[in-house]
């Protein structure tokens, strides 16, 4: 179980996934297509880490609280007299910090790999 919490394990899995995607879906095996594959995977990781960053900052807390309150007030099927919607955790409190740190490390390592590949591409 400790292996899955290791950030280097995620990095090695990322390298394997990118290489597998490269060999399965690119029409021509060259450095340019490999860099493009890295960029696509990096872009997905970047979107995920930015969403988690915004969620961790508490941006969606007020919106989620308002929707929960509105739903409990307007629901005709289930009356929530005890106010259970007030006790539910905010979205910013439900983030797994270990996963967030590992994904952040992965994004930084992908930036380094992309920069190294771009330097190699432009020197050749």
Foldseek 3Di string as FASTA:
>chain_A
DVLVLDLVSVLVVVVVVLVVCLVPPDPDDDLVSSLVSLVVVLVVLVVVLVVLVCQLVPVCQVVQLVVLVVCQVPDPVDHDPPPVSVVDDGSNVPDDVSVSVSSVVNSVVSVVVSVVSVVVVVVD
